[in-house]
Amino acid sequence: MATAPLPPTDTATATAAAGRHLPSTRPPPPYSLPLTLTPPRTSSNRPVTKLRVSSSSETAAAAAAAAAAKPKEETIFFDGGAHYGDLVANLLLGFTLLWLPLTLAAVSRAFYLRYRFTNLRVTVVSGLTGQDRSDFSYQVIKDVQVVPRFIGEWGDIVITLKDGTKVDLRSVPKFREIAKYCLAMAKKPVVLKEKGSKGF
């Protein structure tokens, strides 16, 4: 004789219903946060040291020759602007309207132009804030000529480079000494090519 299944008891039903509302005992899934790896920070002020291991075939004479090839320090032979006499003479003649453009050119040379001759290079700095700067080394010099101004108190130096460029330095004080220095540093014969005196 078949028996009908018994209905669940009230305690089993209560347990099943309570199980639906009980918190889960499983651990929650791990959070997926964005992960970025940063490299270790290095100080930018710290100099980087590179070790150089010399081979046994490298001699001390070769190292001394390499050190002698680089000048140790840049020394200044002349650093200054145009000769003050150029400005004074042009200001005196500037009262005439005919001479006024030359006076303005002399004023701009006096205030905005500087020449620097060192043992490594020639530097010409110009412009209101000195933003225009041109440098060239003595190795690119082909020829140096001088043009005396006034009674020879100041003069122009015309430097011709090996590529044919001419650099005209106007109203330079001690122009003969500076031109001889340029020829000596360029390893050229120190014979000045002097043109006749031309005005101011």
C-alpha atoms as a PDB file:
ATOM      1  CA  MET A   1       0.000   0.000   0.000  1.00  0.00           C
ATOM      2  CA  ALA A   2       1.425   3.329  -1.055  1.00  0.00           C
ATOM      3  CA  THR A   3       1.780   5.958   1.463  1.00  0.00           C
ATOM      4  CA  ALA A   4       1.546   9.645   0.660  1.00  0.00           C
ATOM      5  CA  PRO A   5       4.552  11.784   1.422  1.00  0.00           C
ATOM      6  CA  LEU A   6       4.356  13.557   4.614  1.00  0.00           C
ATOM      7  CA  PRO A   7       4.147  17.325   4.527  1.00  0.00           C
ATOM      8  CA  PRO A   8       7.192  19.084   5.908  1.00  0.00           C
ATOM      9  CA  THR A   9       7.102  19.906   9.490  1.00  0.00           C
ATOM     10  CA  ASP A  10       6.832  23.438  10.716  1.00  0.00           C
ATOM     11  CA  THR A  11      10.395  23.431  12.078  1.00  0.00           C
ATOM     12  CA  ALA A  12      11.877  22.405   8.683  1.00  0.00           C
ATOM     13  CA  THR A  13       9.835  25.098   6.919  1.00  0.00           C
ATOM     14  CA  ALA A  14      10.908  27.689   9.450  1.00  0.00           C
ATOM     15  CA  THR A  15      14.556  26.715   9.022  1.00  0.00           C
ATOM     16  CA  ALA A  16      14.340  26.893   5.223  1.00  0.00           C
ATOM     17  CA  ALA A  17      12.604  30.263   5.382  1.00  0.00           C
ATOM     18  CA  ALA A  18      15.123  31.551   7.898  1.00  0.00           C
ATOM     19  CA  GLY A  19      17.951  30.347   5.637  1.00  0.00           C
ATOM     20  CA  ARG A  20      16.774  32.662   2.940  1.00  0.00           C
ATOM     21  CA  HIS A  21      17.210  35.654   5.224  1.00  0.00           C
ATOM     22  CA  LEU A  22      20.417  34.612   6.956  1.00  0.00           C
ATOM     23  CA  PRO A  23      23.567  36.416   5.844  1.00  0.00           C
ATOM     24  CA  SER A  24      25.898  34.400   3.655  1.00  0.00           C
ATOM     25  CA  THR A  25      28.936  32.988   5.321  1.00  0.00           C
ATOM     26  CA  ARG A  26      30.942  33.081   2.075  1.00  0.00           C
ATOM     27  CA  PRO A  27      33.635  35.800   1.933  1.00  0.00           C
ATOM     28  CA  PRO A  28      32.803  38.656  -0.427  1.00  0.00           C
ATOM     29  CA  PRO A  29      34.583  38.710  -3.803  1.00  0.00           C
ATOM     30  CA  PRO A  30      37.884  40.597  -3.786  1.00  0.00           C
ATOM     31  CA  TYR A  31      37.610  44.208  -4.874  1.00  0.00           C
ATOM     32  CA  SER A  32      39.139  45.001  -8.234  1.00  0.00           C
ATOM     33  CA  LEU A  33      40.796  48.376  -7.689  1.00  0.00           C
ATOM     34  CA  PRO A  34      43.034  49.862 -10.401  1.00  0.00           C
ATOM     35  CA  LEU A  35      46.643  49.118  -9.546  1.00  0.00           C
ATOM     36  CA  THR A  36      49.433  51.315 -10.870  1.00  0.00           C
ATOM     37  CA  LEU A  37      53.058  50.600 -10.156  1.00  0.00           C
ATOM     38  CA  THR A  38      55.336  53.589  -9.918  1.00  0.00           C
ATOM     39  CA  PRO A  39      59.084  53.293 -10.334  1.00  0.00           C
ATOM     40  CA  PRO A  40      61.174  54.238  -7.341  1.00  0.00           C
ATOM     41  CA  ARG A  41      61.849  57.939  -7.145  1.00  0.00           C
ATOM     42  CA  THR A  42      65.342  59.179  -7.803  1.00  0.00           C
ATOM     43  CA  SER A  43      66.662  62.582  -6.935  1.00  0.00           C
ATOM     44  CA  SER A  44      67.249  64.683 -10.053  1.00  0.00           C
ATOM     45  CA  ASN A  45      69.876  66.748  -8.232  1.00  0.00           C
ATOM     46  CA  ARG A  46      72.070  63.745  -7.643  1.00  0.00           C
ATOM     47  CA  PRO A  47      74.773  63.318 -10.299  1.00  0.00           C
ATOM     48  CA  VAL A  48      74.878  60.022 -12.093  1.00  0.00           C
ATOM     49  CA  THR A  49      78.245  58.367 -11.775  1.00  0.00           C
ATOM     50  CA  LYS A  50      79.435  56.098 -14.526  1.00  0.00           C
ATOM     51  CA  LEU A  51      82.366  53.858 -13.878  1.00  0.00           C
ATOM     52  CA  ARG A  52      84.800  53.382 -16.704  1.00  0.00           C
ATOM     53  CA  VAL A  53      87.176  50.481 -16.499  1.00  0.00           C
ATOM     54  CA  SER A  54      90.256  50.975 -18.626  1.00  0.00           C
ATOM     55  CA  SER A  55      91.813  48.102 -20.412  1.00  0.00           C
ATOM     56  CA  SER A  56      95.424  47.168 -19.901  1.00  0.00           C
ATOM     57  CA  SER A  57      96.299  48.358 -23.420  1.00  0.00           C
ATOM     58  CA  GLU A  58      95.375  51.950 -22.535  1.00  0.00           C
ATOM     59  CA  THR A  59      98.481  53.879 -21.571  1.00  0.00           C
ATOM     60  CA  ALA A  60      98.908  56.860 -19.318  1.00  0.00           C
ATOM     61  CA  ALA A  61     100.326  58.865 -22.222  1.00  0.00           C
ATOM     62  CA  ALA A  62      97.085  58.515 -24.189  1.00  0.00           C
ATOM     63  CA  ALA A  63      95.050  59.652 -21.187  1.00  0.00           C
ATOM     64  CA  ALA A  64      97.330  62.666 -20.685  1.00  0.00           C
ATOM     65  CA  ALA A  65      97.036  63.602 -24.365  1.00  0.00           C
ATOM     66  CA  ALA A  66      93.234  63.426 -24.145  1.00  0.00           C
ATOM     67  CA  ALA A  67      93.246  65.648 -21.058  1.00  0.00           C
ATOM     68  CA  ALA A  68      95.575  68.153 -22.721  1.00  0.00           C
ATOM     69  CA  ALA A  69      93.310  68.333 -25.772  1.00  0.00           C
ATOM     70  CA  LYS A  70      90.526  69.847 -23.656  1.00  0.00           C
ATOM     71  CA  PRO A  71      91.207  73.285 -22.216  1.00  0.00           C
ATOM     72  CA  LYS A  72      90.780  73.263 -18.484  1.00  0.00           C
ATOM     73  CA  GLU A  73      89.122  76.645 -18.110  1.00  0.00           C
ATOM     74  CA  GLU A  74      87.790  79.399 -20.339  1.00  0.00           C
ATOM     75  CA  THR A  75      89.715  82.609 -19.727  1.00  0.00           C
ATOM     76  CA  ILE A  76      88.508  85.982 -20.951  1.00  0.00           C
ATOM     77  CA  PHE A  77      90.899  88.141 -22.978  1.00  0.00           C
ATOM     78  CA  PHE A  78      88.458  91.001 -23.619  1.00  0.00           C
ATOM     79  CA  ASP A  79      84.844  91.560 -22.589  1.00  0.00           C
ATOM     80  CA  GLY A  80      83.199  94.869 -23.346  1.00  0.00           C
ATOM     81  CA  GLY A  81      81.080  96.987 -25.624  1.00  0.00           C
ATOM     82  CA  ALA A  82      81.791  99.541 -28.296  1.00  0.00           C
ATOM     83  CA  HIS A  83      84.340 102.282 -27.594  1.00  0.00           C
ATOM     84  CA  TYR A  84      82.873 105.251 -25.713  1.00  0.00           C
ATOM     85  CA  GLY A  85      84.570 107.655 -28.132  1.00  0.00           C
ATOM     86  CA  ASP A  86      82.350 106.349 -30.916  1.00  0.00           C
ATOM     87  CA  LEU A  87      79.272 107.332 -28.903  1.00  0.00           C
ATOM     88  CA  VAL A  88      80.610 110.771 -27.903  1.00  0.00           C
ATOM     89  CA  ALA A  89      81.701 111.706 -31.421  1.00  0.00           C
ATOM     90  CA  ASN A  90      78.417 110.624 -32.940  1.00  0.00           C
ATOM     91  CA  LEU A  91      76.389 112.435 -30.257  1.00  0.00           C
ATOM     92  CA  LEU A  92      78.256 115.674 -30.997  1.00  0.00           C
ATOM     93  CA  LEU A  93      77.629 115.286 -34.703  1.00  0.00           C
ATOM     94  CA  GLY A  94      74.045 114.160 -34.101  1.00  0.00           C
ATOM     95  CA  PHE A  95      72.815 117.741 -33.843  1.00  0.00           C
ATOM     96  CA  THR A  96      72.797 117.853 -37.611  1.00  0.00           C
ATOM     97  CA  LEU A  97      69.886 116.056 -39.196  1.00  0.00           C
ATOM     98  CA  LEU A  98      72.219 114.522 -41.752  1.00  0.00           C
ATOM     99  CA  TRP A  99      74.214 112.658 -39.063  1.00  0.00           C
ATOM    100  CA  LEU A 100      71.195 111.613 -36.961  1.00  0.00           C
ATOM    101  CA  PRO A 101      70.868 108.010 -38.319  1.00  0.00           C
ATOM    102  CA  LEU A 102      74.548 107.351 -37.564  1.00  0.00           C
ATOM    103  CA  THR A 103      74.069 108.767 -34.066  1.00  0.00           C
ATOM    104  CA  LEU A 104      71.171 106.398 -33.406  1.00  0.00           C
ATOM    105  CA  ALA A 105      73.293 103.477 -34.633  1.00  0.00           C
ATOM    106  CA  ALA A 106      76.113 104.514 -32.273  1.00  0.00           C
ATOM    107  CA  VAL A 107      73.690 104.738 -29.328  1.00  0.00           C
ATOM    108  CA  SER A 108      72.329 101.262 -30.036  1.00  0.00           C
ATOM    109  CA  ARG A 109      75.887  99.875 -30.302  1.00  0.00           C
ATOM    110  CA  ALA A 110      76.823 101.487 -26.995  1.00  0.00           C
ATOM    111  CA  PHE A 111      73.888 100.062 -25.063  1.00  0.00           C
ATOM    112  CA  TYR A 112      72.989  96.776 -26.773  1.00  0.00           C
ATOM    113  CA  LEU A 113      76.237  95.301 -28.153  1.00  0.00           C
ATOM    114  CA  ARG A 114      78.963  93.386 -26.333  1.00  0.00           C
ATOM    115  CA  TYR A 115      82.041  91.556 -27.553  1.00  0.00           C
ATOM    116  CA  ARG A 116      83.771  88.745 -25.684  1.00  0.00           C
ATOM    117  CA  PHE A 117      87.059  87.155 -26.732  1.00  0.00           C
ATOM    118  CA  THR A 118      88.169  84.124 -24.720  1.00  0.00           C
ATOM    119  CA  ASN A 119      90.759  81.421 -25.236  1.00  0.00           C
ATOM    120  CA  LEU A 120      88.043  79.205 -26.780  1.00  0.00           C
ATOM    121  CA  ARG A 121      85.698  81.418 -28.815  1.00  0.00           C
ATOM    122  CA  VAL A 122      84.526  84.799 -30.014  1.00  0.00           C
ATOM    123  CA  THR A 123      81.080  85.836 -28.762  1.00  0.00           C
ATOM    124  CA  VAL A 124      78.934  88.715 -29.985  1.00  0.00           C
ATOM    125  CA  VAL A 125      75.915  89.501 -27.781  1.00  0.00           C
ATOM    126  CA  SER A 126      73.322  91.988 -29.025  1.00  0.00           C
ATOM    127  CA  GLY A 127      69.683  92.880 -28.555  1.00  0.00           C
ATOM    128  CA  LEU A 128      67.679  94.616 -25.864  1.00  0.00           C
ATOM    129  CA  THR A 129      67.941  91.712 -23.410  1.00  0.00           C
ATOM    130  CA  GLY A 130      70.991  90.044 -24.941  1.00  0.00           C
ATOM    131  CA  GLN A 131      68.914  87.325 -26.590  1.00  0.00           C
ATOM    132  CA  ASP A 132      70.821  87.537 -29.897  1.00  0.00           C
ATOM    133  CA  ARG A 133      74.097  85.732 -29.422  1.00  0.00           C
ATOM    134  CA  SER A 134      76.553  84.320 -31.926  1.00  0.00           C
ATOM    135  CA  ASP A 135      79.620  82.265 -31.091  1.00  0.00           C
ATOM    136  CA  PHE A 136      82.375  80.842 -33.244  1.00  0.00           C
ATOM    137  CA  SER A 137      85.673  79.211 -32.429  1.00  0.00           C
ATOM    138  CA  TYR A 138      89.077  80.315 -33.615  1.00  0.00           C
ATOM    139  CA  GLN A 139      89.473  77.184 -35.755  1.00  0.00           C
ATOM    140  CA  VAL A 140      86.945  78.516 -38.311  1.00  0.00           C
ATOM    141  CA  ILE A 141      88.745  81.864 -38.782  1.00  0.00           C
ATOM    142  CA  LYS A 142      90.345  82.333 -42.199  1.00  0.00           C
ATOM    143  CA  ASP A 143      91.408  85.981 -42.096  1.00  0.00           C
ATOM    144  CA  VAL A 144      91.307  89.047 -39.824  1.00  0.00           C
ATOM    145  CA  GLN A 145      91.411  92.658 -41.037  1.00  0.00           C
ATOM    146  CA  VAL A 146      91.202  95.918 -39.118  1.00  0.00           C
ATOM    147  CA  VAL A 147      89.832  99.334 -40.115  1.00  0.00           C
ATOM    148  CA  PRO A 148      90.906 102.221 -37.828  1.00  0.00           C
ATOM    149  CA  ARG A 149      88.295 104.870 -36.991  1.00  0.00           C
ATOM    150  CA  PHE A 150      88.693 108.516 -35.955  1.00  0.00           C
ATOM    151  CA  ILE A 151      92.447 108.879 -35.268  1.00  0.00           C
ATOM    152  CA  GLY A 152      93.010 105.221 -34.510  1.00  0.00           C
ATOM    153  CA  GLU A 153      91.515 105.246 -31.017  1.00  0.00           C
ATOM    154  CA  TRP A 154      89.007 102.571 -31.948  1.00  0.00           C
ATOM    155  CA  GLY A 155      88.345 100.540 -35.042  1.00  0.00           C
ATOM    156  CA  ASP A 156      86.419  97.798 -36.796  1.00  0.00           C
ATOM    157  CA  ILE A 157      87.532  94.182 -36.948  1.00  0.00           C
ATOM    158  CA  VAL A 158      86.440  92.208 -40.008  1.00  0.00           C
ATOM    159  CA  ILE A 159      86.770  88.453 -39.433  1.00  0.00           C
ATOM    160  CA  THR A 160      86.401  86.200 -42.470  1.00  0.00           C
ATOM    161  CA  LEU A 161      85.407  82.622 -41.672  1.00  0.00           C
ATOM    162  CA  LYS A 162      86.365  79.548 -43.694  1.00  0.00           C
ATOM    163  CA  ASP A 163      82.871  79.276 -45.193  1.00  0.00           C
ATOM    164  CA  GLY A 164      83.141  82.822 -46.587  1.00  0.00           C
ATOM    165  CA  THR A 165      81.038  84.538 -43.914  1.00  0.00           C
ATOM    166  CA  LYS A 166      82.285  87.974 -42.862  1.00  0.00           C
ATOM    167  CA  VAL A 167      81.746  89.062 -39.268  1.00  0.00           C
ATOM    168  CA  ASP A 168      82.000  92.837 -38.842  1.00  0.00           C
ATOM    169  CA  LEU A 169      82.737  93.983 -35.286  1.00  0.00           C
ATOM    170  CA  ARG A 170      82.209  97.746 -35.108  1.00  0.00           C
ATOM    171  CA  SER A 171      83.903 100.319 -32.857  1.00  0.00           C
ATOM    172  CA  VAL A 172      86.053  97.847 -30.930  1.00  0.00           C
ATOM    173  CA  PRO A 173      88.459  99.324 -28.358  1.00  0.00           C
ATOM    174  CA  LYS A 174      92.043  97.979 -28.466  1.00  0.00           C
ATOM    175  CA  PHE A 175      91.150  96.595 -31.888  1.00  0.00           C
ATOM    176  CA  ARG A 176      94.766  95.938 -33.002  1.00  0.00           C
ATOM    177  CA  GLU A 177      95.583  93.862 -29.911  1.00  0.00           C
ATOM    178  CA  ILE A 178      92.342  91.915 -30.215  1.00  0.00           C
ATOM    179  CA  ALA A 179      92.932  91.231 -33.925  1.00  0.00           C
ATOM    180  CA  LYS A 180      96.455  89.955 -33.195  1.00  0.00           C
ATOM    181  CA  TYR A 181      95.047  87.752 -30.433  1.00  0.00           C
ATOM    182  CA  CYS A 182      92.487  86.287 -32.853  1.00  0.00           C
ATOM    183  CA  LEU A 183      95.201  85.515 -35.421  1.00  0.00           C
ATOM    184  CA  ALA A 184      97.409  83.907 -32.759  1.00  0.00           C
ATOM    185  CA  MET A 185      94.555  81.749 -31.450  1.00  0.00           C
ATOM    186  CA  ALA A 186      93.623  80.734 -35.009  1.00  0.00           C
ATOM    187  CA  LYS A 187      97.282  79.689 -35.543  1.00  0.00           C
ATOM    188  CA  LYS A 188      97.690  82.159 -38.407  1.00  0.00           C
ATOM    189  CA  PRO A 189     100.636  84.486 -39.045  1.00  0.00           C
ATOM    190  CA  VAL A 190     100.193  87.523 -36.805  1.00  0.00           C
ATOM    191  CA  VAL A 191     100.365  90.088 -39.600  1.00  0.00           C
ATOM    192  CA  LEU A 192      97.593  92.664 -39.508  1.00  0.00           C
ATOM    193  CA  LYS A 193      95.938  93.692 -42.746  1.00  0.00           C
ATOM    194  CA  GLU A 194      95.069  97.284 -41.975  1.00  0.00           C
ATOM    195  CA  LYS A 195      92.946  99.372 -44.296  1.00  0.00           C
ATOM    196  CA  GLY A 196      93.079 103.168 -44.335  1.00  0.00           C
ATOM    197  CA  SER A 197      91.316 105.138 -41.611  1.00  0.00           C
ATOM    198  CA  LYS A 198      87.653 105.709 -42.388  1.00  0.00           C
ATOM    199  CA  GLY A 199      85.700 108.414 -40.566  1.00  0.00           C
ATOM    200  CA  PHE A 200      84.013 107.559 -37.293  1.00  0.00           C
END
